[in-house]
Protein backbone atom coordinates (compact mmCIF):
# COMPACT_ATOMS: atom_id res chain seq x y z
CA MET A 1 18.42 -6.00 -5.72
CA TYR A 2 14.81 -4.90 -6.29
CA LYS A 3 13.31 -4.53 -9.76
CA LYS A 4 9.63 -3.97 -8.81
CA ILE A 5 8.42 -2.46 -5.56
CA LEU A 6 4.73 -2.54 -4.64
CA LEU A 7 3.93 0.42 -2.38
CA CYS A 8 0.67 0.01 -0.48
CA PHE A 9 -0.75 3.42 0.38
CA ASP A 10 -3.80 4.32 2.43
CA GLY A 11 -3.15 8.03 3.01
CA SER A 12 -2.50 7.58 6.74
CA ARG A 13 0.56 8.87 8.60
CA GLU A 14 1.93 5.32 8.59
CA GLY A 15 1.16 5.00 4.89
CA ARG A 16 3.07 8.21 4.16
CA LEU A 17 6.10 6.90 6.06
CA ALA A 18 5.93 3.69 4.03
CA LEU A 19 5.58 5.64 0.79
CA ARG A 20 8.71 7.67 1.55
CA GLU A 21 10.76 4.66 2.65
CA GLY A 22 9.67 2.63 -0.38
CA ALA A 23 10.37 5.60 -2.66
CA ARG A 24 13.89 5.90 -1.28
CA LEU A 25 14.53 2.21 -1.89
CA ALA A 26 13.26 2.61 -5.46
CA GLN A 27 15.59 5.57 -5.98
CA ILE A 28 18.57 3.61 -4.67
CA THR A 29 17.84 0.42 -6.62
CA GLY A 30 16.29 1.91 -9.76
CA ALA A 31 13.22 -0.27 -9.23
CA ALA A 32 9.88 0.30 -10.92
CA VAL A 33 7.19 1.48 -8.50
CA ILE A 34 3.61 0.27 -8.40
CA LEU A 35 1.32 2.24 -6.08
CA LEU A 36 -1.64 0.31 -4.69
CA ALA A 37 -4.66 1.25 -2.61
CA VAL A 38 -7.10 -1.42 -1.48
CA VAL A 39 -10.69 -0.47 -0.70
CA GLU A 40 -11.74 -3.03 1.87
CA THR A 41 -15.16 -4.51 1.18
CA GLY A 42 -17.19 -6.79 3.42
CA ALA A 43 -18.26 -10.26 2.43
CA GLY A 44 -21.91 -9.73 3.40
CA SER A 45 -25.07 -10.78 1.64
CA ALA A 46 -26.34 -9.28 -1.61
CA LEU A 47 -28.89 -7.23 0.36
CA ALA A 48 -26.20 -5.76 2.61
CA HIS A 49 -24.04 -5.12 -0.46
CA ALA A 50 -26.84 -3.18 -2.16
CA ALA A 51 -27.27 -1.03 0.95
CA ASP A 52 -23.54 -0.27 0.95
CA VAL A 53 -23.29 0.81 -2.71
CA GLY A 54 -23.33 4.48 -1.74
CA ALA A 55 -20.70 3.96 0.94
CA LEU A 56 -18.53 1.97 -1.47
CA ALA A 57 -18.79 4.72 -4.10
CA GLN A 58 -17.66 7.27 -1.49
CA GLN A 59 -14.76 5.02 -0.46
CA GLN A 60 -13.76 4.69 -4.10
CA THR A 61 -13.73 8.49 -4.45
CA ASP A 62 -11.70 8.84 -1.25
CA PHE A 63 -9.15 6.26 -2.34
CA LYS A 64 -8.86 7.85 -5.79
CA GLU A 65 -7.85 11.07 -4.01
CA ILE A 66 -5.40 9.10 -1.84
CA LEU A 67 -3.86 7.50 -4.94
CA ASP A 68 -3.63 10.91 -6.63
CA GLU A 69 -1.78 12.22 -3.56
CA GLY A 70 0.59 9.24 -3.60
CA TYR A 71 1.20 9.67 -7.32
CA ARG A 72 2.03 13.37 -6.86
CA ARG A 73 4.39 12.60 -3.98
CA LEU A 74 6.23 9.87 -5.90
CA SER A 75 6.41 11.94 -9.09
CA GLY A 76 7.90 14.78 -7.05
CA MET A 77 10.60 12.35 -5.96
CA GLY A 78 11.53 11.63 -9.57
CA LEU A 79 9.64 8.33 -9.84
CA SER A 80 7.04 7.25 -12.42
CA PRO A 81 4.60 5.07 -10.49
CA GLU A 82 2.01 2.79 -12.03
CA VAL A 83 -1.24 3.18 -10.04
CA HIS A 84 -3.74 0.46 -9.06
CA MET A 85 -6.92 0.42 -6.98
CA GLU A 86 -8.38 -2.88 -5.86
CA PHE A 87 -11.51 -3.85 -3.93
CA GLY A 88 -11.73 -6.63 -1.37
CA ASP A 89 -9.66 -8.17 1.40
CA PRO A 90 -6.35 -6.28 1.71
CA VAL A 91 -4.21 -9.38 2.25
CA ALA A 92 -5.71 -11.21 -0.72
CA LYS A 93 -5.58 -8.20 -3.04
CA ILE A 94 -2.04 -7.14 -2.12
CA THR A 95 -0.86 -10.73 -2.62
CA GLN A 96 -2.72 -11.00 -5.93
CA VAL A 97 -1.23 -7.75 -7.29
CA ALA A 98 2.27 -8.60 -6.01
CA ASN A 99 2.12 -11.95 -7.81
CA ALA A 100 0.65 -10.48 -11.00
CA ILE A 101 3.35 -7.81 -11.36
CA GLY A 102 6.23 -9.98 -10.16
CA ALA A 103 7.04 -7.74 -7.18
CA ASP A 104 10.36 -8.26 -5.43
CA LEU A 105 9.28 -6.18 -2.44
CA VAL A 106 5.99 -5.09 -0.88
CA VAL A 107 6.09 -2.03 1.39
CA ILE A 108 3.31 -1.35 3.89
CA GLY A 109 2.98 1.02 6.82
CA HIS A 110 3.00 -0.22 10.39
CA HIS A 111 -0.24 0.58 12.22
CA GLN A 112 0.07 0.26 15.98
CA GLN A 113 -2.54 -2.05 17.47
CA GLY A 114 -3.43 -2.69 21.06
CA PHE A 115 -3.42 -6.16 22.56
CA TRP A 116 -7.17 -6.71 22.15
CA THR A 117 -7.25 -5.52 18.57
CA ARG A 118 -4.32 -7.76 17.68
CA TRP A 119 -5.95 -10.68 19.49
CA MET A 120 -9.40 -10.19 17.90
CA SER A 121 -8.29 -9.68 14.32
CA ARG A 122 -5.26 -10.73 12.38
CA SER A 123 -3.06 -7.90 11.14
CA VAL A 124 -2.49 -7.30 7.45
CA ALA A 125 1.26 -7.64 8.00
CA ALA A 126 0.87 -11.08 9.59
CA GLY A 127 -1.41 -12.21 6.76
CA LEU A 128 0.99 -10.95 4.12
CA GLY A 129 3.92 -12.62 5.85
CA ASP A 130 2.11 -15.93 5.33
CA THR A 131 0.98 -15.38 1.73
CA LEU A 132 3.56 -13.32 -0.15
CA GLY A 133 6.18 -14.93 -2.34
CA CYS A 134 8.50 -11.92 -2.04
CA SER A 135 10.00 -9.73 0.66
CA LEU A 136 7.80 -7.58 2.90
CA LEU A 137 8.92 -4.31 4.45
CA LEU A 138 6.88 -3.08 7.40
CA ALA A 139 8.03 0.51 7.09
CA GLN A 140 8.56 2.67 10.16
CA LYS A 141 11.69 4.69 9.33
CA VAL A 142 11.35 8.44 8.93
CA VAL A 143 13.00 9.33 5.63
CA GLU A 144 14.05 12.97 5.58
CA ASP A 145 13.56 15.25 2.56
CA SER A 146 17.33 15.55 2.26
CA GLU A 147 17.47 11.80 1.50
CA LEU A 148 14.70 11.93 -1.11
CA PHE A 149 15.31 15.15 -2.98
CA HIS A 150 18.93 15.21 -4.07
CA ASN A 151 21.05 14.16 -7.00
CA ASP A 152 22.80 10.80 -6.52
């Protein structure tokens, strides 16, 4: 069913749920797992970019730790994830990586948004639904340890 699953992980509670649900699907289907974190960068001027170099370096360090956590979690579940970090717009980067690796499924966490937030800015899930050439799972299911850590 799935041969390559792209797991998008940001270290949040929702991201951890998505990681577990995507990991379980990979266990069931025998799919390869690619773990991705996207460091969102603004599209400001060169001057604004130079001022944000320190902040970007800190974000990169934070996301490296998040990816390390995701890698440890997936390895503990018997998977061998390939790890990627990208910089830029999450929708564009997730779509780019999904296309480049030939993903059959992209798994992201569902972040609750209020009416005004949803109205003011487009959600990543909505953007991905319009741009991906593969299936998208907006993960919300709680996957128990008993489902992840057992012999099939």
